[in-house]
Amino acid sequence: MKRLLVIAAMLAAAPAVAQPYPDYGRPSYGGRHDQDAARDAVRGGRQVPLSQVIANIAERTPGRQLNTTQGDAGGRPAYFVQWQTNDGRVIIFVVDAQSGQIISRQGG
């Protein structure tokens, strides 16, 4: 019985709403706000659409997209596209989000 009282007291003292991702003073990637910002950048012509980036990679390197994230490369917005070639190799393409040009590739 004492154990149940202790657990109840601990739950009552816990904050009502916990934030799942703490703010460490840096942008979070993958959240709803980031998706909205990326969509606005494409609509505003400041960024090429991801579909164009994928088509460009597919023309040069047959395969399929595994995953894509956004971030910075050399202080510029960039797409980081994880790509699997038809023979199973995995390549990370770093693509300038403003021009759509492939900046670098890693792996594969």
N, C-alpha and C. Protein backbone atom coordinates (compact mmCIF):
# COMPACT_ATOMS: atom_id res chain seq x y z
N MET A 1 0.83 -1.19 0.00
CA MET A 1 0.00 0.00 0.00
C MET A 1 0.87 1.25 0.00
N LYS A 2 1.96 1.23 0.81
CA LYS A 2 2.86 2.38 0.84
C LYS A 2 3.48 2.61 -0.53
N ARG A 3 3.77 1.52 -1.21
CA ARG A 3 4.38 1.62 -2.54
C ARG A 3 3.43 2.35 -3.50
N LEU A 4 2.15 2.06 -3.45
CA LEU A 4 1.17 2.73 -4.30
C LEU A 4 1.07 4.21 -3.96
N LEU A 5 1.16 4.55 -2.69
CA LEU A 5 1.12 5.95 -2.30
C LEU A 5 2.34 6.71 -2.82
N VAL A 6 3.50 6.07 -2.75
CA VAL A 6 4.73 6.70 -3.25
C VAL A 6 4.62 6.92 -4.75
N ILE A 7 4.15 5.93 -5.50
CA ILE A 7 3.99 6.07 -6.95
C ILE A 7 2.99 7.17 -7.27
N ALA A 8 1.87 7.22 -6.56
CA ALA A 8 0.86 8.25 -6.78
C ALA A 8 1.43 9.64 -6.51
N ALA A 9 2.24 9.77 -5.44
CA ALA A 9 2.84 11.06 -5.12
C ALA A 9 3.83 11.48 -6.20
N MET A 10 4.59 10.53 -6.73
CA MET A 10 5.56 10.85 -7.78
C MET A 10 4.84 11.29 -9.06
N LEU A 11 3.76 10.61 -9.39
CA LEU A 11 3.01 10.99 -10.58
C LEU A 11 2.37 12.36 -10.42
N ALA A 12 1.89 12.66 -9.23
CA ALA A 12 1.27 13.96 -8.98
C ALA A 12 2.29 15.09 -9.08
N ALA A 13 3.54 14.80 -8.72
CA ALA A 13 4.59 15.82 -8.75
C ALA A 13 5.18 16.01 -10.14
N ALA A 14 4.95 15.06 -11.05
CA ALA A 14 5.50 15.15 -12.41
C ALA A 14 4.81 16.27 -13.18
N PRO A 15 5.53 16.91 -14.10
CA PRO A 15 4.90 17.96 -14.90
C PRO A 15 3.75 17.39 -15.73
N ALA A 16 2.73 18.21 -15.92
CA ALA A 16 1.53 17.76 -16.63
C ALA A 16 1.82 17.51 -18.11
N VAL A 17 2.63 18.36 -18.73
CA VAL A 17 2.93 18.21 -20.14
C VAL A 17 4.45 18.24 -20.30
N ALA A 18 4.98 17.16 -20.78
CA ALA A 18 6.42 17.09 -21.02
C ALA A 18 6.68 17.34 -22.49
N GLN A 19 7.75 18.07 -22.79
CA GLN A 19 8.12 18.31 -24.17
C GLN A 19 8.94 17.13 -24.65
N PRO A 20 8.56 16.51 -25.78
CA PRO A 20 9.28 15.33 -26.24
C PRO A 20 10.69 15.64 -26.74
N TYR A 21 10.91 16.85 -27.26
CA TYR A 21 12.22 17.22 -27.78
C TYR A 21 12.67 18.50 -27.10
N PRO A 22 13.67 18.44 -26.25
CA PRO A 22 14.12 19.66 -25.58
C PRO A 22 14.76 20.63 -26.57
N ASP A 23 14.66 21.91 -26.31
CA ASP A 23 15.24 22.94 -27.15
C ASP A 23 16.64 23.24 -26.66
N TYR A 24 17.63 22.90 -27.45
CA TYR A 24 19.02 23.16 -27.07
C TYR A 24 19.58 24.37 -27.81
N GLY A 25 18.71 25.23 -28.32
CA GLY A 25 19.17 26.43 -29.00
C GLY A 25 19.58 26.19 -30.43
N ARG A 26 19.20 25.06 -30.99
CA ARG A 26 19.51 24.79 -32.39
C ARG A 26 18.22 24.32 -33.06
N PRO A 27 18.16 24.46 -34.39
CA PRO A 27 16.93 24.04 -35.06
C PRO A 27 16.74 22.54 -34.99
N SER A 28 15.50 22.11 -34.93
CA SER A 28 15.21 20.69 -34.97
C SER A 28 14.88 20.32 -36.40
N TYR A 29 15.35 19.19 -36.86
CA TYR A 29 15.10 18.75 -38.21
C TYR A 29 14.04 17.67 -38.19
N GLY A 30 13.13 17.73 -39.12
CA GLY A 30 12.12 16.71 -39.25
C GLY A 30 10.78 17.06 -38.62
N GLY A 31 10.65 18.21 -37.99
CA GLY A 31 9.39 18.59 -37.36
C GLY A 31 8.44 19.24 -38.35
N ARG A 32 7.22 19.44 -37.91
CA ARG A 32 6.19 20.06 -38.75
C ARG A 32 6.63 21.45 -39.22
N HIS A 33 7.25 22.22 -38.33
CA HIS A 33 7.70 23.57 -38.69
C HIS A 33 8.72 23.50 -39.82
N ASP A 34 9.63 22.53 -39.76
CA ASP A 34 10.65 22.39 -40.79
C ASP A 34 10.01 22.04 -42.13
N GLN A 35 9.02 21.18 -42.11
CA GLN A 35 8.33 20.82 -43.36
C GLN A 35 7.61 22.03 -43.94
N ASP A 36 6.97 22.80 -43.10
CA ASP A 36 6.27 24.01 -43.57
C ASP A 36 7.26 25.01 -44.14
N ALA A 37 8.41 25.18 -43.49
CA ALA A 37 9.42 26.11 -43.97
C ALA A 37 9.97 25.67 -45.32
N ALA A 38 10.21 24.36 -45.47
CA ALA A 38 10.71 23.85 -46.75
C ALA A 38 9.67 24.04 -47.86
N ARG A 39 8.42 23.76 -47.56
CA ARG A 39 7.35 23.95 -48.54
C ARG A 39 7.25 25.41 -48.95
N ASP A 40 7.34 26.32 -48.00
CA ASP A 40 7.29 27.75 -48.31
C ASP A 40 8.48 28.17 -49.17
N ALA A 41 9.66 27.60 -48.90
CA ALA A 41 10.85 27.93 -49.68
C ALA A 41 10.70 27.46 -51.13
N VAL A 42 10.11 26.29 -51.33
CA VAL A 42 9.87 25.79 -52.70
C VAL A 42 8.85 26.68 -53.39
N ARG A 43 7.77 26.99 -52.72
CA ARG A 43 6.73 27.85 -53.32
C ARG A 43 7.26 29.24 -53.64
N GLY A 44 8.16 29.73 -52.82
CA GLY A 44 8.73 31.05 -53.03
C GLY A 44 9.88 31.07 -54.02
N GLY A 45 10.24 29.91 -54.57
CA GLY A 45 11.31 29.85 -55.55
C GLY A 45 12.71 29.92 -54.96
N ARG A 46 12.82 29.80 -53.65
CA ARG A 46 14.13 29.86 -53.00
C ARG A 46 14.79 28.49 -52.91
N GLN A 47 14.04 27.46 -53.24
CA GLN A 47 14.52 26.10 -53.10
C GLN A 47 13.87 25.24 -54.19
N VAL A 48 14.64 24.30 -54.75
CA VAL A 48 14.06 23.41 -55.76
C VAL A 48 13.26 22.32 -55.07
N PRO A 49 12.23 21.80 -55.72
CA PRO A 49 11.45 20.73 -55.10
C PRO A 49 12.26 19.44 -54.99
N LEU A 50 11.98 18.67 -53.96
CA LEU A 50 12.67 17.41 -53.75
C LEU A 50 12.45 16.47 -54.94
N SER A 51 11.28 16.50 -55.55
CA SER A 51 11.02 15.62 -56.69
C SER A 51 11.99 15.89 -57.84
N GLN A 52 12.37 17.13 -58.04
CA GLN A 52 13.34 17.49 -59.07
C GLN A 52 14.72 16.95 -58.71
N VAL A 53 15.08 17.05 -57.44
CA VAL A 53 16.37 16.54 -56.97
C VAL A 53 16.43 15.02 -57.19
N ILE A 54 15.36 14.31 -56.82
CA ILE A 54 15.32 12.86 -56.97
C ILE A 54 15.42 12.47 -58.44
N ALA A 55 14.71 13.17 -59.31
CA ALA A 55 14.76 12.89 -60.75
C ALA A 55 16.17 13.09 -61.30
N ASN A 56 16.84 14.13 -60.84
CA ASN A 56 18.21 14.42 -61.28
C ASN A 56 19.16 13.30 -60.85
N ILE A 57 19.04 12.84 -59.62
CA ILE A 57 19.89 11.75 -59.14
C ILE A 57 19.59 10.47 -59.91
N ALA A 58 18.31 10.18 -60.14
CA ALA A 58 17.92 8.95 -60.84
C ALA A 58 18.45 8.91 -62.27
N GLU A 59 18.54 10.07 -62.92
CA GLU A 59 19.10 10.13 -64.28
C GLU A 59 20.56 9.73 -64.29
N ARG A 60 21.29 10.14 -63.28
CA ARG A 60 22.73 9.89 -63.22
C ARG A 60 23.09 8.54 -62.62
N THR A 61 22.29 8.12 -61.64
CA THR A 61 22.58 6.90 -60.89
C THR A 61 21.30 6.11 -60.71
N PRO A 62 21.05 5.12 -61.56
CA PRO A 62 19.82 4.33 -61.41
C PRO A 62 19.75 3.68 -60.03
N GLY A 63 18.57 3.71 -59.45
CA GLY A 63 18.37 3.13 -58.13
C GLY A 63 17.10 3.69 -57.51
N ARG A 64 17.12 3.77 -56.18
CA ARG A 64 15.92 4.27 -55.49
C ARG A 64 16.32 5.07 -54.26
N GLN A 65 15.44 5.99 -53.89
CA GLN A 65 15.62 6.84 -52.71
C GLN A 65 15.28 6.02 -51.47
N LEU A 66 16.17 6.07 -50.48
CA LEU A 66 15.90 5.41 -49.21
C LEU A 66 15.39 6.40 -48.17
N ASN A 67 16.02 7.57 -48.12
CA ASN A 67 15.69 8.55 -47.08
C ASN A 67 16.22 9.91 -47.52
N THR A 68 15.60 10.97 -47.05
CA THR A 68 16.07 12.32 -47.33
C THR A 68 15.88 13.18 -46.10
N THR A 69 16.89 13.99 -45.79
CA THR A 69 16.79 14.98 -44.73
C THR A 69 17.28 16.32 -45.29
N GLN A 70 17.03 17.38 -44.53
CA GLN A 70 17.52 18.69 -44.92
C GLN A 70 18.43 19.22 -43.82
N GLY A 71 19.37 20.02 -44.22
CA GLY A 71 20.29 20.64 -43.27
C GLY A 71 21.13 21.67 -43.99
N ASP A 72 22.32 21.91 -43.48
CA ASP A 72 23.24 22.89 -44.06
C ASP A 72 24.47 22.18 -44.59
N ALA A 73 24.97 22.68 -45.71
CA ALA A 73 26.25 22.22 -46.27
C ALA A 73 27.01 23.47 -46.67
N GLY A 74 28.05 23.78 -45.94
CA GLY A 74 28.82 24.98 -46.23
C GLY A 74 28.04 26.25 -46.03
N GLY A 75 27.12 26.25 -45.08
CA GLY A 75 26.33 27.43 -44.78
C GLY A 75 25.13 27.63 -45.69
N ARG A 76 24.88 26.70 -46.58
CA ARG A 76 23.74 26.80 -47.50
C ARG A 76 22.77 25.67 -47.23
N PRO A 77 21.48 25.88 -47.48
CA PRO A 77 20.52 24.79 -47.28
C PRO A 77 20.81 23.67 -48.27
N ALA A 78 20.67 22.43 -47.79
CA ALA A 78 20.98 21.27 -48.63
C ALA A 78 20.05 20.12 -48.33
N TYR A 79 19.86 19.29 -49.34
CA TYR A 79 19.19 18.00 -49.19
C TYR A 79 20.27 16.94 -49.01
N PHE A 80 20.05 16.01 -48.12
CA PHE A 80 20.93 14.86 -47.94
C PHE A 80 20.10 13.63 -48.32
N VAL A 81 20.39 13.08 -49.49
CA VAL A 81 19.58 12.01 -50.05
C VAL A 81 20.33 10.69 -49.93
N GLN A 82 19.74 9.76 -49.21
CA GLN A 82 20.30 8.41 -49.10
C GLN A 82 19.73 7.61 -50.25
N TRP A 83 20.61 7.04 -51.08
CA TRP A 83 20.21 6.42 -52.33
C TRP A 83 20.79 5.01 -52.40
N GLN A 84 19.99 4.07 -52.88
CA GLN A 84 20.48 2.70 -53.07
C GLN A 84 20.53 2.42 -54.57
N THR A 85 21.71 2.03 -55.05
CA THR A 85 21.86 1.71 -56.46
C THR A 85 21.23 0.35 -56.74
N ASN A 86 21.08 0.04 -58.03
CA ASN A 86 20.47 -1.23 -58.41
C ASN A 86 21.29 -2.44 -57.97
N ASP A 87 22.59 -2.24 -57.75
CA ASP A 87 23.42 -3.36 -57.28
C ASP A 87 23.58 -3.39 -55.77
N GLY A 88 22.79 -2.55 -55.04
CA GLY A 88 22.75 -2.61 -53.59
C GLY A 88 23.66 -1.65 -52.85
N ARG A 89 24.51 -0.91 -53.55
CA ARG A 89 25.38 0.07 -52.88
C ARG A 89 24.54 1.24 -52.36
N VAL A 90 24.97 1.84 -51.25
CA VAL A 90 24.26 2.99 -50.68
C VAL A 90 25.16 4.22 -50.80
N ILE A 91 24.59 5.29 -51.34
CA ILE A 91 25.31 6.55 -51.56
C ILE A 91 24.51 7.66 -50.88
N ILE A 92 25.22 8.58 -50.25
CA ILE A 92 24.59 9.79 -49.70
C ILE A 92 24.94 10.94 -50.65
N PHE A 93 23.93 11.50 -51.29
CA PHE A 93 24.12 12.66 -52.14
C PHE A 93 23.82 13.91 -51.33
N VAL A 94 24.72 14.89 -51.41
CA VAL A 94 24.49 16.19 -50.79
C VAL A 94 24.17 17.14 -51.94
N VAL A 95 22.97 17.71 -51.91
CA VAL A 95 22.48 18.52 -53.02
C VAL A 95 22.14 19.92 -52.53
N ASP A 96 22.66 20.93 -53.22
CA ASP A 96 22.34 22.31 -52.90
C ASP A 96 20.84 22.52 -53.11
N ALA A 97 20.14 22.91 -52.07
CA ALA A 97 18.68 23.04 -52.14
C ALA A 97 18.24 24.23 -52.97
N GLN A 98 19.10 25.23 -53.14
CA GLN A 98 18.72 26.40 -53.91
C GLN A 98 18.91 26.20 -55.41
N SER A 99 19.98 25.51 -55.80
CA SER A 99 20.25 25.32 -57.23
C SER A 99 19.88 23.93 -57.74
N GLY A 100 19.82 22.95 -56.84
CA GLY A 100 19.55 21.57 -57.24
C GLY A 100 20.79 20.82 -57.69
N GLN A 101 21.95 21.46 -57.61
CA GLN A 101 23.20 20.83 -58.05
C GLN A 101 23.74 19.89 -56.97
N ILE A 102 24.26 18.76 -57.41
CA ILE A 102 24.89 17.82 -56.49
C ILE A 102 26.22 18.41 -56.04
N ILE A 103 26.36 18.58 -54.72
CA ILE A 103 27.58 19.14 -54.17
C ILE A 103 28.63 18.05 -53.96
N SER A 104 28.19 16.93 -53.42
CA SER A 104 29.10 15.81 -53.17
C SER A 104 28.32 14.53 -53.03
N ARG A 105 29.05 13.44 -53.03
CA ARG A 105 28.47 12.13 -52.78
C ARG A 105 29.43 11.35 -51.91
N GLN A 106 28.85 10.56 -51.02
CA GLN A 106 29.66 9.79 -50.07
C GLN A 106 29.22 8.35 -50.12
N GLY A 107 30.17 7.45 -50.06
CA GLY A 107 29.86 6.03 -50.08
C GLY A 107 29.72 5.50 -51.49
N GLY A 108 29.23 4.27 -51.58
CA GLY A 108 28.94 3.64 -52.84
C GLY A 108 30.13 3.34 -53.65
